[in-house]
Amino acid sequence: MESSNKEPNITLPPFHGKDNVENYLDWEMKVEQLFSCHGVSEDRKVSLATLSFQGHAMYWWTFLEKERRINHEPPIKYWNELCSALRRRHIHPYYDRELMDKLQRLKHGSSSVEEYRQSMELLMMRAGIREEESDIKCFNCLGRGHIASQCPTKKTMLLKGQDHYSSLDEATSSSSSDEKEVLESEEEILPCEGDLLLVRRLLNNQSSEIDQSQREKEERGLRKHLFSHCR
């Protein structure tokens, strides 16, 4: 009769040893989850993990074992030792810096808010970054403690030449009086030489009920109004 304490047989996802950091990290995380779920003992982890090696990974492991024997080094017996060897093989020293660069260049673009948030969280977890709420920086007002979608102050950017810009606080109400205040404030800070106004950004922030023809009409009127002030 078999012992009830016998560890169950588990099948680990194959690892091919290709030079892809994300694939390796995903494999390592999945294997750790399976070990934890099935209660695999420490003395079985290395043998189970290396049995999942295929292709280049299998040849790499065979060569590593042989090299350690030749150099009179002890064999790898523990999972953390195997992970260290695999990380030296698959994660280059400047990987953390690359992740930080990706995080800095991450743009919202055409992605949904949820896709953007998940992409940022994934990069931060892989880089080992734990960002406190006080360190979160808003890209709208450059303040801290909140993200752009939660910014209490919406900004319209006014370009001044090539390297300078100013910002205009927009009213959050859709009433006509608030829209009038925005336009009046805009006139006060608008420079009169070499100016590029993001007219569409301003109009897009107005009510979505305005149809395309009305939007174009307002845009032409606003352009005419601005040009008359800059002559």
C-alpha atoms as a PDB file:
ATOM      1  CA  MET A   1       0.000   0.000   0.000  1.00  0.00           C
ATOM      2  CA  GLU A   2       1.412   3.361  -1.022  1.00  0.00           C
ATOM      3  CA  SER A   3       2.216   5.931   1.627  1.00  0.00           C
ATOM      4  CA  SER A   4      -0.201   8.841   1.853  1.00  0.00           C
ATOM      5  CA  ASN A   5       2.796  11.147   2.331  1.00  0.00           C
ATOM      6  CA  LYS A   6       4.164  10.400  -1.119  1.00  0.00           C
ATOM      7  CA  GLU A   7       4.489  13.565  -3.183  1.00  0.00           C
ATOM      8  CA  PRO A   8       2.284  13.671  -6.289  1.00  0.00           C
ATOM      9  CA  ASN A   9       3.782  13.627  -9.744  1.00  0.00           C
ATOM     10  CA  ILE A  10       3.543  17.002 -11.427  1.00  0.00           C
ATOM     11  CA  THR A  11       4.236  18.148 -14.956  1.00  0.00           C
ATOM     12  CA  LEU A  12       6.151  21.382 -15.302  1.00  0.00           C
ATOM     13  CA  PRO A  13       5.962  23.636 -18.356  1.00  0.00           C
ATOM     14  CA  PRO A  14       8.856  23.012 -20.763  1.00  0.00           C
ATOM     15  CA  PHE A  15      11.767  25.414 -20.832  1.00  0.00           C
ATOM     16  CA  HIS A  16      13.711  25.745 -24.090  1.00  0.00           C
ATOM     17  CA  GLY A  17      16.393  28.156 -22.913  1.00  0.00           C
ATOM     18  CA  LYS A  18      15.878  30.769 -25.584  1.00  0.00           C
ATOM     19  CA  ASP A  19      17.326  34.230 -25.014  1.00  0.00           C
ATOM     20  CA  ASN A  20      14.099  35.844 -23.905  1.00  0.00           C
ATOM     21  CA  VAL A  21      14.095  37.299 -20.407  1.00  0.00           C
ATOM     22  CA  GLU A  22      10.314  37.533 -20.133  1.00  0.00           C
ATOM     23  CA  ASN A  23       9.854  33.882 -21.146  1.00  0.00           C
ATOM     24  CA  TYR A  24      12.333  32.756 -18.517  1.00  0.00           C
ATOM     25  CA  LEU A  25      10.790  34.870 -15.742  1.00  0.00           C
ATOM     26  CA  ASP A  26       7.320  33.581 -16.640  1.00  0.00           C
ATOM     27  CA  TRP A  27       8.585  29.987 -16.543  1.00  0.00           C
ATOM     28  CA  GLU A  28      10.329  30.490 -13.188  1.00  0.00           C
ATOM     29  CA  MET A  29       7.223  32.042 -11.628  1.00  0.00           C
ATOM     30  CA  LYS A  30       4.968  29.255 -12.924  1.00  0.00           C
ATOM     31  CA  VAL A  31       7.308  26.541 -11.620  1.00  0.00           C
ATOM     32  CA  GLU A  32       7.431  28.161  -8.186  1.00  0.00           C
ATOM     33  CA  GLN A  33       3.632  28.257  -8.133  1.00  0.00           C
ATOM     34  CA  LEU A  34       3.436  24.545  -8.951  1.00  0.00           C
ATOM     35  CA  PHE A  35       6.055  23.659  -6.335  1.00  0.00           C
ATOM     36  CA  SER A  36       4.132  25.597  -3.710  1.00  0.00           C
ATOM     37  CA  CYS A  37       0.739  24.221  -4.733  1.00  0.00           C
ATOM     38  CA  HIS A  38       1.873  20.571  -4.645  1.00  0.00           C
ATOM     39  CA  GLY A  39       4.167  20.934  -1.636  1.00  0.00           C
ATOM     40  CA  VAL A  40       7.256  19.686  -3.487  1.00  0.00           C
ATOM     41  CA  SER A  41      10.187  19.085  -1.146  1.00  0.00           C
ATOM     42  CA  GLU A  42      13.437  20.977  -1.647  1.00  0.00           C
ATOM     43  CA  ASP A  43      15.421  17.876  -2.590  1.00  0.00           C
ATOM     44  CA  ARG A  44      13.117  17.175  -5.574  1.00  0.00           C
ATOM     45  CA  LYS A  45      12.845  20.654  -7.037  1.00  0.00           C
ATOM     46  CA  VAL A  46      16.085  20.694  -9.040  1.00  0.00           C
ATOM     47  CA  SER A  47      15.544  17.258 -10.582  1.00  0.00           C
ATOM     48  CA  LEU A  48      11.940  18.082 -11.522  1.00  0.00           C
ATOM     49  CA  ALA A  49      12.855  21.478 -12.950  1.00  0.00           C
ATOM     50  CA  THR A  50      15.746  20.193 -15.048  1.00  0.00           C
ATOM     51  CA  LEU A  51      13.571  17.385 -16.450  1.00  0.00           C
ATOM     52  CA  SER A  52      11.494  20.118 -18.081  1.00  0.00           C
ATOM     53  CA  PHE A  53      14.552  21.436 -19.949  1.00  0.00           C
ATOM     54  CA  GLN A  54      14.399  20.949 -23.700  1.00  0.00           C
ATOM     55  CA  GLY A  55      16.581  21.889 -26.635  1.00  0.00           C
ATOM     56  CA  HIS A  56      19.228  24.462 -25.783  1.00  0.00           C
ATOM     57  CA  ALA A  57      18.326  24.457 -22.084  1.00  0.00           C
ATOM     58  CA  MET A  58      18.960  20.709 -21.853  1.00  0.00           C
ATOM     59  CA  TYR A  59      22.381  21.022 -23.484  1.00  0.00           C
ATOM     60  CA  TRP A  60      23.247  24.002 -21.282  1.00  0.00           C
ATOM     61  CA  TRP A  61      22.372  22.056 -18.112  1.00  0.00           C
ATOM     62  CA  THR A  62      24.360  18.995 -19.195  1.00  0.00           C
ATOM     63  CA  PHE A  63      27.391  21.162 -19.952  1.00  0.00           C
ATOM     64  CA  LEU A  64      27.068  23.027 -16.631  1.00  0.00           C
ATOM     65  CA  GLU A  65      26.987  19.795 -14.609  1.00  0.00           C
ATOM     66  CA  LYS A  66      30.035  18.475 -16.443  1.00  0.00           C
ATOM     67  CA  GLU A  67      31.939  21.744 -15.997  1.00  0.00           C
ATOM     68  CA  ARG A  68      31.252  21.818 -12.252  1.00  0.00           C
ATOM     69  CA  ARG A  69      32.540  18.254 -11.879  1.00  0.00           C
ATOM     70  CA  ILE A  70      35.724  19.107 -13.783  1.00  0.00           C
ATOM     71  CA  ASN A  71      36.298  22.162 -11.608  1.00  0.00           C
ATOM     72  CA  HIS A  72      35.569  20.146  -8.460  1.00  0.00           C
ATOM     73  CA  GLU A  73      32.594  22.326  -7.631  1.00  0.00           C
ATOM     74  CA  PRO A  74      29.635  20.899  -5.706  1.00  0.00           C
ATOM     75  CA  PRO A  75      26.585  20.000  -7.789  1.00  0.00           C
ATOM     76  CA  ILE A  76      23.553  22.250  -7.768  1.00  0.00           C
ATOM     77  CA  LYS A  77      21.113  20.714  -5.283  1.00  0.00           C
ATOM     78  CA  TYR A  78      18.707  23.509  -4.394  1.00  0.00           C
ATOM     79  CA  TRP A  79      16.120  25.443  -6.344  1.00  0.00           C
ATOM     80  CA  ASN A  80      17.517  28.860  -5.397  1.00  0.00           C
ATOM     81  CA  GLU A  81      20.951  27.800  -6.671  1.00  0.00           C
ATOM     82  CA  LEU A  82      19.438  26.668  -9.963  1.00  0.00           C
ATOM     83  CA  CYS A  83      17.528  29.946 -10.281  1.00  0.00           C
ATOM     84  CA  SER A  84      20.736  31.896  -9.672  1.00  0.00           C
ATOM     85  CA  ALA A  85      22.526  29.967 -12.427  1.00  0.00           C
ATOM     86  CA  LEU A  86      19.600  30.427 -14.816  1.00  0.00           C
ATOM     87  CA  ARG A  87      19.377  34.132 -14.081  1.00  0.00           C
ATOM     88  CA  ARG A  88      23.093  34.583 -14.760  1.00  0.00           C
ATOM     89  CA  ARG A  89      22.528  32.816 -18.068  1.00  0.00           C
ATOM     90  CA  HIS A  90      19.346  34.548 -19.228  1.00  0.00           C
ATOM     91  CA  ILE A  91      19.207  37.954 -17.505  1.00  0.00           C
ATOM     92  CA  HIS A  92      21.953  40.360 -18.528  1.00  0.00           C
ATOM     93  CA  PRO A  93      23.327  42.848 -15.971  1.00  0.00           C
ATOM     94  CA  TYR A  94      21.666  45.877 -17.587  1.00  0.00           C
ATOM     95  CA  TYR A  95      18.181  44.324 -17.703  1.00  0.00           C
ATOM     96  CA  ASP A  96      16.961  46.444 -14.771  1.00  0.00           C
ATOM     97  CA  ARG A  97      18.087  49.598 -16.549  1.00  0.00           C
ATOM     98  CA  GLU A  98      16.247  48.543 -19.712  1.00  0.00           C
ATOM     99  CA  LEU A  99      13.082  48.000 -17.685  1.00  0.00           C
ATOM    100  CA  MET A 100      13.388  51.450 -16.168  1.00  0.00           C
ATOM    101  CA  ASP A 101      13.860  52.939 -19.644  1.00  0.00           C
ATOM    102  CA  LYS A 102      10.741  51.128 -20.879  1.00  0.00           C
ATOM    103  CA  LEU A 103       8.819  52.414 -17.894  1.00  0.00           C
ATOM    104  CA  GLN A 104       9.920  55.982 -18.616  1.00  0.00           C
ATOM    105  CA  ARG A 105       8.975  55.671 -22.316  1.00  0.00           C
ATOM    106  CA  LEU A 106       5.640  53.979 -21.678  1.00  0.00           C
ATOM    107  CA  LYS A 107       2.909  55.945 -23.440  1.00  0.00           C
ATOM    108  CA  HIS A 108      -0.854  55.714 -23.166  1.00  0.00           C
ATOM    109  CA  GLY A 109      -1.273  56.015 -26.944  1.00  0.00           C
ATOM    110  CA  SER A 110      -4.120  53.940 -28.357  1.00  0.00           C
ATOM    111  CA  SER A 111      -4.154  51.551 -25.401  1.00  0.00           C
ATOM    112  CA  SER A 112      -7.091  51.513 -23.042  1.00  0.00           C
ATOM    113  CA  VAL A 113      -6.606  52.748 -19.495  1.00  0.00           C
ATOM    114  CA  GLU A 114      -6.696  49.160 -18.220  1.00  0.00           C
ATOM    115  CA  GLU A 115      -4.088  47.954 -20.761  1.00  0.00           C
ATOM    116  CA  TYR A 116      -1.846  50.915 -19.922  1.00  0.00           C
ATOM    117  CA  ARG A 117      -2.147  50.259 -16.180  1.00  0.00           C
ATOM    118  CA  GLN A 118      -1.399  46.544 -16.600  1.00  0.00           C
ATOM    119  CA  SER A 119       1.640  47.252 -18.790  1.00  0.00           C
ATOM    120  CA  MET A 120       3.025  49.644 -16.196  1.00  0.00           C
ATOM    121  CA  GLU A 121       2.356  47.243 -13.305  1.00  0.00           C
ATOM    122  CA  LEU A 122       4.032  44.363 -15.164  1.00  0.00           C
ATOM    123  CA  LEU A 123       7.157  46.410 -15.872  1.00  0.00           C
ATOM    124  CA  MET A 124       7.300  47.633 -12.276  1.00  0.00           C
ATOM    125  CA  MET A 125       6.948  44.105 -10.869  1.00  0.00           C
ATOM    126  CA  ARG A 126       9.631  42.744 -13.183  1.00  0.00           C
ATOM    127  CA  ALA A 127      11.934  45.620 -12.244  1.00  0.00           C
ATOM    128  CA  GLY A 128      11.188  45.044  -8.564  1.00  0.00           C
ATOM    129  CA  ILE A 129       9.769  48.540  -8.130  1.00  0.00           C
ATOM    130  CA  ARG A 130       7.260  49.246  -5.362  1.00  0.00           C
ATOM    131  CA  GLU A 131       5.987  52.747  -5.893  1.00  0.00           C
ATOM    132  CA  GLU A 132       4.474  54.449  -2.880  1.00  0.00           C
ATOM    133  CA  GLU A 133       1.410  56.633  -3.378  1.00  0.00           C
ATOM    134  CA  SER A 134       3.426  59.732  -2.452  1.00  0.00           C
ATOM    135  CA  ASP A 135       5.915  58.924  -5.246  1.00  0.00           C
ATOM    136  CA  ILE A 136       3.293  58.616  -7.993  1.00  0.00           C
ATOM    137  CA  LYS A 137       3.631  61.521 -10.407  1.00  0.00           C
ATOM    138  CA  CYS A 138       0.797  62.981 -12.483  1.00  0.00           C
ATOM    139  CA  PHE A 139       1.659  63.717 -16.122  1.00  0.00           C
ATOM    140  CA  ASN A 140      -0.980  66.467 -16.319  1.00  0.00           C
ATOM    141  CA  CYS A 141      -0.125  68.811 -13.452  1.00  0.00           C
ATOM    142  CA  LEU A 142       3.234  67.201 -12.493  1.00  0.00           C
ATOM    143  CA  GLY A 143       1.941  66.871  -8.956  1.00  0.00           C
ATOM    144  CA  ARG A 144       2.360  63.787  -6.770  1.00  0.00           C
ATOM    145  CA  GLY A 145      -0.002  61.402  -5.055  1.00  0.00           C
ATOM    146  CA  HIS A 146      -2.343  60.778  -8.002  1.00  0.00           C
ATOM    147  CA  ILE A 147      -2.317  59.644 -11.631  1.00  0.00           C
ATOM    148  CA  ALA A 148      -3.398  61.633 -14.689  1.00  0.00           C
ATOM    149  CA  SER A 149      -6.865  60.058 -14.896  1.00  0.00           C
ATOM    150  CA  GLN A 150      -7.524  61.186 -11.311  1.00  0.00           C
ATOM    151  CA  CYS A 151      -6.019  64.653 -11.713  1.00  0.00           C
ATOM    152  CA  PRO A 152      -8.233  67.330 -10.112  1.00  0.00           C
ATOM    153  CA  THR A 153      -6.817  69.935 -12.515  1.00  0.00           C
ATOM    154  CA  LYS A 154      -7.115  69.266 -16.234  1.00  0.00           C
ATOM    155  CA  LYS A 155      -4.519  70.932 -18.448  1.00  0.00           C
ATOM    156  CA  THR A 156      -4.555  72.314 -21.974  1.00  0.00           C
ATOM    157  CA  MET A 157      -1.050  72.733 -23.357  1.00  0.00           C
ATOM    158  CA  LEU A 158      -0.098  75.849 -25.334  1.00  0.00           C
ATOM    159  CA  LEU A 159       3.063  75.556 -27.395  1.00  0.00           C
ATOM    160  CA  LYS A 160       5.460  78.517 -27.502  1.00  0.00           C
ATOM    161  CA  GLY A 161       7.946  78.033 -30.270  1.00  0.00           C
ATOM    162  CA  GLN A 162       9.817  74.722 -30.049  1.00  0.00           C
ATOM    163  CA  ASP A 163      10.957  74.258 -26.484  1.00  0.00           C
ATOM    164  CA  HIS A 164       8.502  76.103 -24.246  1.00  0.00           C
ATOM    165  CA  TYR A 165       4.951  75.579 -23.163  1.00  0.00           C
ATOM    166  CA  SER A 166       2.446  76.904 -20.706  1.00  0.00           C
ATOM    167  CA  SER A 167      -0.677  75.304 -19.339  1.00  0.00           C
ATOM    168  CA  LEU A 168      -4.248  76.395 -18.873  1.00  0.00           C
ATOM    169  CA  ASP A 169      -6.543  75.120 -16.143  1.00  0.00           C
ATOM    170  CA  GLU A 170      -9.774  73.934 -17.689  1.00  0.00           C
ATOM    171  CA  ALA A 171     -13.067  74.054 -15.845  1.00  0.00           C
ATOM    172  CA  THR A 172     -14.554  70.652 -15.212  1.00  0.00           C
ATOM    173  CA  SER A 173     -18.131  71.866 -15.676  1.00  0.00           C
ATOM    174  CA  SER A 174     -19.681  71.688 -19.135  1.00  0.00           C
ATOM    175  CA  SER A 175     -21.733  74.861 -18.664  1.00  0.00           C
ATOM    176  CA  SER A 176     -21.389  77.699 -21.161  1.00  0.00           C
ATOM    177  CA  SER A 177     -20.166  80.102 -18.470  1.00  0.00           C
ATOM    178  CA  ASP A 178     -17.256  77.815 -17.625  1.00  0.00           C
ATOM    179  CA  GLU A 179     -16.360  77.454 -21.307  1.00  0.00           C
ATOM    180  CA  LYS A 180     -16.335  81.249 -21.596  1.00  0.00           C
ATOM    181  CA  GLU A 181     -13.941  81.527 -18.654  1.00  0.00           C
ATOM    182  CA  VAL A 182     -11.589  79.037 -20.317  1.00  0.00           C
ATOM    183  CA  LEU A 183     -11.507  81.064 -23.527  1.00  0.00           C
ATOM    184  CA  GLU A 184     -10.921  84.328 -21.624  1.00  0.00           C
ATOM    185  CA  SER A 185      -8.061  82.768 -19.637  1.00  0.00           C
ATOM    186  CA  GLU A 186      -6.673  81.443 -22.885  1.00  0.00           C
ATOM    187  CA  GLU A 187      -6.535  84.926 -24.376  1.00  0.00           C
ATOM    188  CA  GLU A 188      -4.563  86.227 -21.411  1.00  0.00           C
ATOM    189  CA  ILE A 189      -1.673  83.781 -21.692  1.00  0.00           C
ATOM    190  CA  LEU A 190      -1.636  83.310 -25.458  1.00  0.00           C
ATOM    191  CA  PRO A 191       1.638  84.607 -26.987  1.00  0.00           C
ATOM    192  CA  CYS A 192       1.393  86.524 -30.287  1.00  0.00           C
ATOM    193  CA  GLU A 193       4.404  85.300 -32.236  1.00  0.00           C
ATOM    194  CA  GLY A 194       5.141  81.788 -33.507  1.00  0.00           C
ATOM    195  CA  ASP A 195       2.266  80.254 -31.516  1.00  0.00           C
ATOM    196  CA  LEU A 196       0.703  76.851 -32.031  1.00  0.00           C
ATOM    197  CA  LEU A 197      -2.541  76.297 -30.164  1.00  0.00           C
ATOM    198  CA  LEU A 198      -3.832  72.789 -29.682  1.00  0.00           C
ATOM    199  CA  VAL A 199      -7.329  73.785 -30.758  1.00  0.00           C
ATOM    200  CA  ARG A 200      -8.548  70.258 -31.204  1.00  0.00           C
ATOM    201  CA  ARG A 201      -7.448  69.352 -27.692  1.00  0.00           C
ATOM    202  CA  LEU A 202      -9.550  72.186 -26.313  1.00  0.00           C
ATOM    203  CA  LEU A 203     -12.573  71.298 -28.405  1.00  0.00           C
ATOM    204  CA  ASN A 204     -12.296  67.611 -27.625  1.00  0.00           C
ATOM    205  CA  ASN A 205     -12.534  68.433 -23.942  1.00  0.00           C
ATOM    206  CA  GLN A 206     -15.926  70.030 -24.489  1.00  0.00           C
ATOM    207  CA  SER A 207     -19.220  68.134 -24.521  1.00  0.00           C
ATOM    208  CA  SER A 208     -19.235  65.007 -26.677  1.00  0.00           C
ATOM    209  CA  GLU A 209     -22.699  66.021 -27.898  1.00  0.00           C
ATOM    210  CA  ILE A 210     -21.211  68.588 -30.292  1.00  0.00           C
ATOM    211  CA  ASP A 211     -21.330  67.070 -33.778  1.00  0.00           C
ATOM    212  CA  GLN A 212     -18.479  67.186 -36.267  1.00  0.00           C
ATOM    213  CA  SER A 213     -19.808  70.138 -38.301  1.00  0.00           C
ATOM    214  CA  GLN A 214     -20.320  72.221 -35.174  1.00  0.00           C
ATOM    215  CA  ARG A 215     -16.829  71.261 -33.975  1.00  0.00           C
ATOM    216  CA  GLU A 216     -15.265  72.375 -37.264  1.00  0.00           C
ATOM    217  CA  LYS A 217     -17.249  75.624 -37.175  1.00  0.00           C
ATOM    218  CA  GLU A 218     -16.023  76.413 -33.666  1.00  0.00           C
ATOM    219  CA  GLU A 219     -12.481  75.543 -34.673  1.00  0.00           C
ATOM    220  CA  ARG A 220     -12.547  77.968 -37.615  1.00  0.00           C
ATOM    221  CA  GLY A 221     -14.045  80.677 -35.445  1.00  0.00           C
ATOM    222  CA  LEU A 222     -11.441  80.174 -32.744  1.00  0.00           C
ATOM    223  CA  ARG A 223      -8.586  80.242 -35.261  1.00  0.00           C
ATOM    224  CA  LYS A 224      -9.930  83.520 -36.741  1.00  0.00           C
ATOM    225  CA  HIS A 225     -10.267  85.008 -33.272  1.00  0.00           C
ATOM    226  CA  LEU A 226      -6.722  84.040 -32.286  1.00  0.00           C
ATOM    227  CA  PHE A 227      -5.123  85.261 -35.499  1.00  0.00           C
ATOM    228  CA  SER A 228      -6.860  88.648 -35.178  1.00  0.00           C
ATOM    229  CA  HIS A 229      -5.245  89.103 -31.760  1.00  0.00           C
ATOM    230  CA  CYS A 230      -1.785  88.262 -33.049  1.00  0.00           C
ATOM    231  CA  ARG A 231      -1.582  90.819 -35.827  1.00  0.00           C
END
